[in-house]
Amino acid sequence: MKINRYLLGSALVAALGGLLFGFDTIVISGTTNALTKVFGLSDFWLGFTVASALIGTIVGSVAAGRPSDAFGRRAVLGAIALLYVASAVGCALAWDWYSLLFFRFVGGLGIGGASVVSPMYIAEISPARLRGRLVAVQQLNIVLGCLLAFLSNYVISQANLGGAEWRWMLGVVVVPAGLFFFLLFFVPNSPRWLVAKGRLDEARQVFGRLGTDADGNVDEEIEVIRASLALDHHRVEEPFFRRQYRKPILLAVAIAMFNQLSGVNAIWYYAPAIFRMAGAGPRAAMLEPVILGLVNLVVTMLALTLIDRIGRRKLMLAGSIGYIFSLGTAAWAFYAYGGAFTAAVKAIEAKAEIPASVAAAAGTGGMVVMASLIVFVVAHAFGQGTVIWVFISEIFPNRVRARGQALGSFTHWILAAAISWTFPIIAARSGGHAFAFYCAMTVLQLLWVLWLMPETKGVPLEEIQKKLGIE
């Protein structure tokens, strides 16, 4: 199916917000060991340090909706790019733990805002037949950002930078952030936002370049959007939490909750630490997450080709089953080989020789953990990772989409902060406990998908609200 180049280019630029989203959230995974030593952090305060950016994402996701309605999606994306720049420079130059927390919080504001505005912008510029794939480009860029963060951390860790290593890992984000800000000057305002603001001539010009759902008839497309906005009866500022929007609100909250209750961000943020817990040496602990990032990217690319063919529900069903199997296996591995893992870690830290029997058991258990996490990443990339932002961007009417996207992102990030903060505390007692809990939550996700999740494949945005019973 042919996609015009202006549409594709605009979607790719907006999706750079996703690349920074992935890069900036994951890059701290390579610094946890150094930060623990430099600032003398306990498990509790290490979790808080990692979660500090996620606290920013909660604020950013809530705060992004109204400015994007008032000033436009493109203008807010520009502000988000500047937040990323400020965060990267500040973290690289942080003079104490408190300044590091502050600048990670600033970066979190950008991450939260990007999780709302980037997919919303792409959904609003895309014809229905292409919307799934184009919005899912956001997820492709998120996973590409994750891979680049793991790869960047590995390369920097091999450069023998000593005490400055963690500063370089956090500061390198300034490069893609600056590129994102520059490229935003070459994309249009959202045509649906222009219609909502009554700027119909500008909307016609943008639709003329992007394409429409209405067989190329720009005026017909604008009339459909105006009818859905129902500006004579609904103001853009109307109350959001009302019975009329109950179904999309509950759907957005549910998919966002399950996304994080799978433990995905705990795995991404602590991947090197998890591999160290499973007996891996320092070099392997930094390299193995690169493999996870590469698998994530490849499977996400495959899922992008399928989301508009087989639909959102089938991807979620397959992903849920993969979640349950992989998390259950990982939990078993930590329970079965926990003693060998602990003995191997102590020997590595003491730079002593690992007894042969311990090395054999830890090696077997470590391979099971690695295989389980690879299956987990495949399941996530094929299901939740590809579907979540597409689905949330589709289920709300035009007039409240910004606030609906903000609600979904708020739910996602507040759970991400809780999971990321608590993981080091739980894992210090047993890695098996953490993975067993995440497994139980994904069983609930499977039941939700089977019983409650609607299919939105190929349905115009204005029709989805009718399907959900919204006038």
Protein backbone atom coordinates (compact mmCIF):
# COMPACT_ATOMS: atom_id res chain seq x y z
CA MET A 1 0.00 0.00 0.00
CA LYS A 2 1.49 3.30 -1.12
CA ILE A 3 2.16 5.99 1.49
CA ASN A 4 2.86 9.52 0.31
CA ARG A 5 6.28 10.77 1.31
CA TYR A 6 5.10 13.90 3.13
CA LEU A 7 2.83 11.83 5.37
CA LEU A 8 5.56 9.28 6.08
CA GLY A 9 8.17 11.97 6.75
CA SER A 10 5.89 13.83 9.16
CA ALA A 11 5.08 10.61 11.03
CA LEU A 12 8.77 9.68 11.28
CA VAL A 13 9.74 13.08 12.67
CA ALA A 14 6.97 12.96 15.27
CA ALA A 15 8.02 9.41 16.14
CA LEU A 16 11.49 10.71 17.08
CA GLY A 17 9.73 11.70 20.28
CA GLY A 18 9.34 7.95 20.77
CA LEU A 19 13.03 7.31 20.08
CA LEU A 20 13.94 9.79 22.80
CA PHE A 21 11.26 8.26 25.02
CA GLY A 22 12.98 4.87 24.67
CA PHE A 23 16.55 6.15 24.83
CA ASP A 24 16.16 8.43 27.83
CA THR A 25 14.21 5.93 29.93
CA ILE A 26 16.54 2.99 29.27
CA VAL A 27 19.93 4.72 29.33
CA ILE A 28 19.95 4.83 33.15
CA SER A 29 20.07 1.00 33.20
CA GLY A 30 23.80 1.14 32.51
CA THR A 31 24.47 3.53 35.38
CA THR A 32 22.74 1.82 38.32
CA ASN A 33 25.87 0.12 39.60
CA ALA A 34 27.94 3.33 39.40
CA LEU A 35 25.21 5.50 40.94
CA THR A 36 24.89 3.07 43.86
CA LYS A 37 28.61 3.42 44.60
CA VAL A 38 29.02 7.15 43.87
CA PHE A 39 26.04 8.27 45.97
CA GLY A 40 26.00 5.37 48.48
CA LEU A 41 22.43 4.35 47.60
CA SER A 42 20.45 1.60 49.32
CA ASP A 43 18.06 -0.60 47.30
CA PHE A 44 15.23 1.75 48.28
CA TRP A 45 17.02 4.91 47.15
CA LEU A 46 18.37 3.29 43.99
CA GLY A 47 14.78 2.46 43.08
CA PHE A 48 13.79 6.05 43.83
CA THR A 49 16.64 7.38 41.68
CA VAL A 50 15.55 5.27 38.71
CA ALA A 51 11.92 6.20 39.35
CA SER A 52 12.68 9.95 39.54
CA ALA A 53 12.38 10.30 35.78
CA LEU A 54 9.17 8.30 35.90
CA ILE A 55 7.72 10.70 38.47
CA GLY A 56 8.41 13.37 35.86
CA THR A 57 6.60 11.31 33.24
CA ILE A 58 3.50 11.24 35.43
CA VAL A 59 3.47 15.04 35.58
CA GLY A 60 4.41 15.36 31.89
CA SER A 61 1.70 13.00 30.69
CA VAL A 62 -0.98 14.85 32.65
CA ALA A 63 0.29 18.31 31.72
CA ALA A 64 0.70 17.68 27.97
CA GLY A 65 -2.96 17.34 27.02
CA ARG A 66 -4.26 20.87 27.50
CA PRO A 67 -1.24 22.70 26.02
CA SER A 68 -1.46 20.46 22.95
CA ASP A 69 -5.11 21.47 22.57
CA ALA A 70 -4.31 25.15 23.13
CA PHE A 71 -1.06 25.57 21.18
CA GLY A 72 -1.04 22.57 18.87
CA ARG A 73 0.65 19.19 18.85
CA ARG A 74 3.71 20.40 16.92
CA ALA A 75 4.46 23.30 19.29
CA VAL A 76 4.31 21.00 22.32
CA LEU A 77 6.62 18.48 20.62
CA GLY A 78 9.14 21.31 20.22
CA ALA A 79 8.94 22.10 23.94
CA ILE A 80 9.43 18.40 24.70
CA ALA A 81 12.61 18.33 22.60
CA LEU A 82 14.01 21.23 24.64
CA LEU A 83 13.21 19.41 27.89
CA TYR A 84 15.25 16.44 26.66
CA VAL A 85 18.19 18.72 25.84
CA ALA A 86 18.10 20.39 29.26
CA SER A 87 17.87 17.02 31.02
CA ALA A 88 20.82 15.50 29.13
CA VAL A 89 23.11 18.45 29.78
CA GLY A 90 22.04 18.70 33.43
CA CYS A 91 22.56 14.97 34.14
CA ALA A 92 26.01 15.03 32.52
CA LEU A 93 27.03 17.98 34.71
CA ALA A 94 25.15 16.96 37.89
CA TRP A 95 27.09 18.16 40.96
CA ASP A 96 25.27 16.01 43.54
CA TRP A 97 22.51 13.43 43.90
CA TYR A 98 19.79 16.07 44.25
CA SER A 99 20.75 17.82 41.01
CA LEU A 100 20.79 14.44 39.24
CA LEU A 101 17.27 13.74 40.51
CA PHE A 102 16.08 17.15 39.34
CA PHE A 103 17.41 16.79 35.79
CA ARG A 104 16.14 13.20 35.52
CA PHE A 105 12.75 14.60 36.57
CA VAL A 106 13.00 17.22 33.79
CA GLY A 107 13.74 14.46 31.29
CA GLY A 108 10.73 12.58 32.64
CA LEU A 109 8.53 15.57 31.82
CA GLY A 110 9.65 15.19 28.20
CA ILE A 111 9.11 11.43 28.20
CA GLY A 112 5.60 11.76 29.61
CA GLY A 113 4.72 14.50 27.15
CA ALA A 114 6.10 12.52 24.20
CA SER A 115 4.09 9.45 25.19
CA VAL A 116 0.93 11.56 24.87
CA VAL A 117 1.60 13.93 22.00
CA SER A 118 3.66 11.92 19.50
CA PRO A 119 1.14 9.08 18.95
CA MET A 120 -1.78 11.51 19.09
CA TYR A 121 -0.21 13.69 16.39
CA ILE A 122 0.52 10.70 14.16
CA ALA A 123 -3.02 9.32 14.61
CA GLU A 124 -4.49 12.68 13.61
CA ILE A 125 -2.47 13.05 10.41
CA SER A 126 -2.99 9.44 9.25
CA PRO A 127 -5.77 8.00 7.05
CA ALA A 128 -7.56 5.08 8.78
CA ARG A 129 -6.12 2.46 6.40
CA LEU A 130 -2.57 3.44 7.45
CA ARG A 131 -3.12 4.64 10.99
CA GLY A 132 -2.14 1.44 12.79
CA ARG A 133 1.19 1.13 11.05
CA LEU A 134 2.05 4.83 11.24
CA VAL A 135 1.17 5.22 14.93
CA ALA A 136 3.05 1.99 15.60
CA VAL A 137 6.14 3.67 14.08
CA GLN A 138 6.15 5.47 17.43
CA GLN A 139 6.64 2.11 19.12
CA LEU A 140 9.29 1.13 16.56
CA ASN A 141 11.21 4.26 17.48
CA ILE A 142 10.75 3.58 21.19
CA VAL A 143 12.34 0.15 20.81
CA LEU A 144 15.02 1.57 18.51
CA GLY A 145 15.74 4.11 21.25
CA CYS A 146 15.98 1.25 23.78
CA LEU A 147 18.43 -0.62 21.56
CA LEU A 148 20.53 2.49 20.97
CA ALA A 149 20.60 3.16 24.73
CA PHE A 150 21.84 -0.38 25.51
CA LEU A 151 24.36 -0.17 22.67
CA SER A 152 25.51 3.31 23.75
CA ASN A 153 25.95 2.10 27.34
CA TYR A 154 27.98 -0.90 26.18
CA VAL A 155 30.26 1.18 23.94
CA ILE A 156 30.82 3.81 26.64
CA SER A 157 31.49 1.08 29.24
CA GLN A 158 34.32 -0.23 27.04
CA ALA A 159 35.92 3.22 26.64
CA ASN A 160 37.61 3.25 30.07
CA LEU A 161 36.20 6.62 31.08
CA GLY A 162 36.48 5.89 34.78
CA GLY A 163 34.33 7.93 37.14
CA ALA A 164 32.90 10.01 34.29
CA GLU A 165 31.41 6.98 32.53
CA TRP A 166 27.88 7.38 33.94
CA ARG A 167 27.89 11.09 33.00
CA TRP A 168 28.62 10.25 29.35
CA MET A 169 25.88 7.62 29.34
CA LEU A 170 23.27 10.12 30.51
CA GLY A 171 24.57 13.12 28.55
CA VAL A 172 24.68 11.54 25.10
CA VAL A 173 20.88 11.99 24.83
CA VAL A 174 21.52 15.60 23.78
CA VAL A 175 22.41 14.49 20.22
CA PRO A 176 19.07 12.92 19.17
CA ALA A 177 17.17 15.57 21.18
CA GLY A 178 18.76 18.40 19.19
CA LEU A 179 18.01 16.63 15.89
CA PHE A 180 14.36 16.16 16.91
CA PHE A 181 13.94 19.88 17.66
CA PHE A 182 15.45 20.90 14.31
CA LEU A 183 13.31 18.52 12.21
CA LEU A 184 10.04 19.68 13.79
CA PHE A 185 10.28 22.87 11.74
CA PHE A 186 9.53 20.78 8.63
CA VAL A 187 6.27 19.08 9.70
CA PRO A 188 2.71 20.53 9.60
CA ASN A 189 0.24 21.20 12.37
CA SER A 190 -2.30 18.43 12.94
CA PRO A 191 -5.18 19.02 10.46
CA ARG A 192 -7.73 17.81 13.02
CA TRP A 193 -6.39 20.33 15.54
CA LEU A 194 -6.63 23.04 12.86
CA VAL A 195 -10.29 22.13 12.23
CA ALA A 196 -11.01 22.25 15.97
CA LYS A 197 -9.50 25.76 16.01
CA GLY A 198 -11.57 26.86 13.01
CA ARG A 199 -8.50 27.26 10.77
CA LEU A 200 -10.16 25.47 7.87
CA ASP A 201 -8.04 26.88 5.03
CA GLU A 202 -4.86 25.67 6.72
CA ALA A 203 -6.48 22.29 7.37
CA ARG A 204 -7.40 21.96 3.69
CA GLN A 205 -3.81 22.64 2.67
CA VAL A 206 -2.43 20.08 5.11
CA PHE A 207 -4.98 17.42 4.11
CA GLY A 208 -4.15 18.13 0.48
CA ARG A 209 -0.56 17.09 1.15
CA LEU A 210 -1.20 14.28 3.65
CA GLY A 211 -4.20 12.54 2.06
CA THR A 212 -7.61 11.78 3.59
CA ASP A 213 -10.02 8.98 4.50
CA ALA A 214 -12.67 10.40 2.15
CA ASP A 215 -11.17 9.26 -1.18
CA GLY A 216 -9.22 12.47 -1.59
CA ASN A 217 -12.22 14.73 -0.91
CA VAL A 218 -10.78 17.25 1.55
CA ASP A 219 -14.01 19.16 2.19
CA GLU A 220 -15.87 15.95 2.95
CA GLU A 221 -13.13 14.95 5.39
CA ILE A 222 -13.35 18.30 7.15
CA GLU A 223 -17.13 18.04 7.46
CA VAL A 224 -16.83 14.57 9.03
CA ILE A 225 -14.36 15.94 11.57
CA ARG A 226 -16.53 18.97 12.34
CA ALA A 227 -19.52 16.70 12.91
CA SER A 228 -17.51 14.52 15.29
CA LEU A 229 -16.32 17.57 17.19
CA ALA A 230 -19.96 18.71 17.43
CA LEU A 231 -18.81 22.20 18.20
CA ASP A 232 -22.37 23.51 18.43
CA HIS A 233 -23.16 21.16 21.30
CA HIS A 234 -19.80 20.22 22.81
CA ARG A 235 -17.04 22.59 23.74
CA VAL A 236 -13.47 21.30 23.56
CA GLU A 237 -13.20 22.16 27.26
CA GLU A 238 -16.18 19.98 28.27
CA PRO A 239 -15.80 17.70 31.34
CA PHE A 240 -13.82 14.55 30.60
CA PHE A 241 -14.75 12.23 33.48
CA ARG A 242 -18.38 11.65 32.61
CA ARG A 243 -20.55 8.64 31.91
CA GLN A 244 -20.44 9.27 28.16
CA TYR A 245 -16.70 8.47 28.03
CA ARG A 246 -16.72 5.62 30.55
CA LYS A 247 -15.91 2.86 28.05
CA PRO A 248 -12.83 4.45 26.44
CA ILE A 249 -11.60 5.65 29.86
CA LEU A 250 -11.78 2.14 31.33
CA LEU A 251 -10.18 0.61 28.23
CA ALA A 252 -7.29 3.11 28.28
CA VAL A 253 -6.67 2.63 32.01
CA ALA A 254 -6.78 -1.17 31.69
CA ILE A 255 -4.35 -1.52 28.78
CA ALA A 256 -1.93 0.96 30.38
CA MET A 257 -2.07 -0.81 33.76
CA PHE A 258 -1.44 -4.24 32.28
CA ASN A 259 1.42 -2.89 30.19
CA GLN A 260 3.40 -2.02 33.31
CA LEU A 261 2.15 -4.82 35.59
CA SER A 262 3.91 -7.20 33.19
CA GLY A 263 7.15 -5.83 34.68
CA VAL A 264 8.44 -4.65 31.31
CA ASN A 265 10.02 -1.45 32.59
CA ALA A 266 11.61 -3.21 35.56
CA ILE A 267 13.25 -5.55 33.04
CA TRP A 268 14.39 -2.70 30.79
CA TYR A 269 15.63 -0.42 33.58
CA TYR A 270 17.42 -3.18 35.48
CA ALA A 271 18.45 -5.53 32.66
CA PRO A 272 22.20 -5.41 33.48
CA ALA A 273 21.39 -5.82 37.19
CA ILE A 274 19.12 -8.80 36.46
CA PHE A 275 21.86 -10.51 34.47
CA ARG A 276 24.33 -9.78 37.28
CA MET A 277 21.83 -11.34 39.71
CA ALA A 278 21.82 -14.42 37.46
CA GLY A 279 25.61 -14.77 37.74
CA ALA A 280 26.78 -12.84 34.66
CA GLY A 281 30.12 -10.99 34.75
CA PRO A 282 30.35 -7.19 34.26
CA ARG A 283 31.00 -7.33 30.50
CA ALA A 284 28.25 -9.89 29.81
CA ALA A 285 25.80 -7.97 31.99
CA MET A 286 26.22 -4.91 29.72
CA LEU A 287 26.23 -6.88 26.45
CA GLU A 288 23.25 -9.18 26.99
CA PRO A 289 20.73 -6.27 27.17
CA VAL A 290 21.91 -5.27 23.67
CA ILE A 291 20.67 -8.68 22.48
CA LEU A 292 17.30 -8.03 24.12
CA GLY A 293 17.13 -4.62 22.45
CA LEU A 294 17.91 -6.11 19.04
CA VAL A 295 15.25 -8.81 19.44
CA ASN A 296 12.78 -6.13 20.51
CA LEU A 297 13.48 -4.08 17.38
CA VAL A 298 13.23 -7.01 14.94
CA VAL A 299 9.95 -8.33 16.40
CA THR A 300 8.44 -4.85 16.55
CA MET A 301 9.18 -4.41 12.84
CA LEU A 302 7.36 -7.70 12.17
CA ALA A 303 4.39 -6.66 14.31
CA LEU A 304 4.14 -3.36 12.41
CA THR A 305 3.42 -5.30 9.21
CA LEU A 306 0.63 -7.23 10.95
CA ILE A 307 -1.21 -4.71 13.12
CA ASP A 308 -3.46 -3.47 10.29
CA ARG A 309 -3.84 -6.98 8.83
CA ILE A 310 -4.73 -9.23 11.74
CA GLY A 311 -5.79 -6.52 14.20
CA ARG A 312 -4.99 -5.33 17.69
CA ARG A 313 -6.76 -8.10 19.68
CA LYS A 314 -4.95 -11.04 18.06
CA LEU A 315 -1.57 -9.43 18.69
CA MET A 316 -2.55 -8.88 22.32
CA LEU A 317 -3.72 -12.49 22.70
CA ALA A 318 -0.45 -13.87 21.36
CA GLY A 319 1.56 -11.47 23.51
CA SER A 320 -0.37 -12.38 26.66
CA ILE A 321 0.33 -16.09 26.23
CA GLY A 322 4.02 -15.37 25.64
CA TYR A 323 4.12 -13.17 28.75
CA ILE A 324 2.72 -15.92 30.97
CA PHE A 325 5.12 -18.58 29.71
CA SER A 326 8.26 -16.43 29.84
CA LEU A 327 7.64 -14.79 33.22
CA GLY A 328 6.67 -18.11 34.79
CA THR A 329 9.88 -19.67 33.49
CA ALA A 330 12.02 -16.77 34.73
CA ALA A 331 10.46 -17.01 38.19
CA TRP A 332 11.17 -20.77 38.27
CA ALA A 333 14.80 -20.19 37.24
CA PHE A 334 15.44 -17.79 40.13
CA TYR A 335 13.75 -20.14 42.59
CA ALA A 336 15.58 -23.24 41.29
CA TYR A 337 19.05 -21.72 40.79
CA GLY A 338 18.96 -18.88 43.35
CA GLY A 339 21.64 -20.44 45.55
CA ALA A 340 24.04 -20.91 42.66
CA PHE A 341 23.39 -17.36 41.44
CA THR A 342 24.16 -15.91 44.87
CA ALA A 343 27.39 -17.92 45.21
CA ALA A 344 28.52 -16.90 41.70
CA VAL A 345 27.82 -13.21 42.36
CA LYS A 346 29.81 -13.28 45.61
CA ALA A 347 32.76 -14.93 43.86
CA ILE A 348 32.68 -12.37 41.03
CA GLU A 349 32.55 -9.45 43.48
CA ALA A 350 35.46 -10.93 45.45
CA LYS A 351 37.33 -11.63 42.19
CA ALA A 352 37.66 -15.24 43.32
CA GLU A 353 37.41 -18.44 41.31
CA ILE A 354 33.88 -19.82 41.03
CA PRO A 355 33.64 -23.51 42.10
CA ALA A 356 32.96 -25.82 39.15
CA SER A 357 29.62 -27.08 40.49
CA VAL A 358 28.43 -23.53 41.17
CA ALA A 359 29.59 -22.33 37.76
CA ALA A 360 27.72 -25.19 36.03
CA ALA A 361 24.47 -24.57 37.92
CA ALA A 362 24.69 -20.78 37.54
CA GLY A 363 25.50 -21.18 33.85
CA THR A 364 22.44 -23.34 33.25
CA GLY A 365 20.19 -21.05 35.28
CA GLY A 366 21.62 -17.99 33.55
CA MET A 367 20.81 -19.46 30.14
CA VAL A 368 17.23 -20.15 31.26
CA VAL A 369 16.89 -16.54 32.47
CA MET A 370 18.31 -15.20 29.21
CA ALA A 371 16.02 -17.41 27.11
CA SER A 372 13.01 -16.44 29.22
CA LEU A 373 13.71 -12.74 28.83
CA ILE A 374 14.14 -13.13 25.08
CA VAL A 375 10.72 -14.83 24.89
CA PHE A 376 9.32 -12.05 27.11
CA VAL A 377 10.68 -9.37 24.79
CA VAL A 378 9.20 -11.17 21.77
CA ALA A 379 5.81 -11.36 23.51
CA HIS A 380 5.92 -7.70 24.53
CA ALA A 381 7.03 -6.42 21.14
CA PHE A 382 4.40 -8.51 19.36
CA GLY A 383 1.57 -7.54 21.71
CA GLN A 384 1.48 -4.70 24.24
CA GLY A 385 4.51 -2.88 22.89
CA THR A 386 3.03 -2.46 19.41
CA VAL A 387 -0.63 -2.08 20.39
CA ILE A 388 -0.82 0.17 23.47
CA TRP A 389 -0.21 3.62 21.98
CA VAL A 390 -2.13 2.82 18.79
CA PHE A 391 -5.13 1.60 20.76
CA ILE A 392 -5.23 4.52 23.21
CA SER A 393 -4.88 7.04 20.38
CA GLU A 394 -7.91 5.49 18.60
CA ILE A 395 -10.60 4.98 21.22
CA PHE A 396 -11.32 8.58 22.27
CA PRO A 397 -13.38 11.11 20.26
CA ASN A 398 -11.58 14.03 18.64
CA ARG A 399 -12.83 16.52 21.21
CA VAL A 400 -11.26 14.71 24.20
CA ARG A 401 -8.49 12.70 22.53
CA ALA A 402 -5.69 14.76 24.08
CA ARG A 403 -7.07 14.21 27.59
CA GLY A 404 -7.73 10.54 26.88
CA GLN A 405 -4.17 10.04 25.67
CA ALA A 406 -2.95 11.88 28.77
CA LEU A 407 -4.99 9.60 31.04
CA GLY A 408 -3.58 6.48 29.41
CA SER A 409 -0.04 7.80 29.68
CA PHE A 410 -0.58 8.93 33.28
CA THR A 411 -1.75 5.44 34.24
CA HIS A 412 1.15 3.85 32.35
CA TRP A 413 3.77 6.05 34.00
CA ILE A 414 2.48 5.98 37.56
CA LEU A 415 2.55 2.15 37.41
CA ALA A 416 6.00 2.31 35.76
CA ALA A 417 7.29 4.43 38.64
CA ALA A 418 5.84 2.05 41.22
CA ILE A 419 7.24 -1.06 39.50
CA SER A 420 10.67 0.48 38.93
CA TRP A 421 10.92 1.79 42.49
CA THR A 422 9.94 -1.52 44.10
CA PHE A 423 11.86 -3.95 41.88
CA PRO A 424 15.29 -3.58 43.61
CA ILE A 425 13.64 -4.02 47.01
CA ILE A 426 11.74 -7.18 46.01
CA ALA A 427 14.60 -8.59 43.94
CA ALA A 428 17.01 -8.18 46.88
CA ARG A 429 14.94 -10.86 48.62
CA SER A 430 14.26 -13.04 45.58
CA GLY A 431 14.16 -12.40 41.85
CA GLY A 432 11.61 -15.19 41.68
CA HIS A 433 9.06 -13.23 43.75
CA ALA A 434 9.13 -10.30 41.30
CA PHE A 435 8.72 -12.43 38.18
CA ALA A 436 5.99 -14.57 39.78
CA PHE A 437 3.96 -11.42 40.56
CA TYR A 438 4.36 -10.10 37.01
CA CYS A 439 3.27 -13.50 35.66
CA ALA A 440 0.07 -13.42 37.72
CA MET A 441 -0.76 -9.96 36.39
CA THR A 442 -0.38 -11.11 32.78
CA VAL A 443 -2.90 -13.89 33.40
CA LEU A 444 -5.39 -11.13 34.26
CA GLN A 445 -4.41 -9.30 31.05
CA LEU A 446 -5.23 -12.40 29.00
CA LEU A 447 -8.71 -12.54 30.55
CA TRP A 448 -9.25 -8.83 29.83
CA VAL A 449 -8.29 -9.24 26.17
CA LEU A 450 -10.57 -12.26 25.78
CA TRP A 451 -13.61 -10.69 27.40
CA LEU A 452 -13.45 -6.90 27.11
CA MET A 453 -11.01 -5.53 24.51
CA PRO A 454 -12.70 -4.34 21.26
CA GLU A 455 -11.09 -4.49 17.81
CA THR A 456 -10.35 -1.10 16.17
CA LYS A 457 -8.54 -2.29 13.04
CA GLY A 458 -9.38 -0.23 9.94
CA VAL A 459 -12.17 1.79 11.61
CA PRO A 460 -12.08 5.59 11.00
CA LEU A 461 -11.56 7.57 14.22
CA GLU A 462 -14.99 9.16 13.90
CA GLU A 463 -16.63 5.72 13.62
CA ILE A 464 -14.87 4.24 16.64
CA GLN A 465 -16.71 6.61 18.97
CA LYS A 466 -20.02 5.33 17.55
CA LYS A 467 -18.85 1.74 18.05
CA LEU A 468 -18.21 2.54 21.73
CA GLY A 469 -21.64 4.16 22.11
CA ILE A 470 -20.41 7.77 22.25
CA GLU A 471 -22.67 10.37 20.65
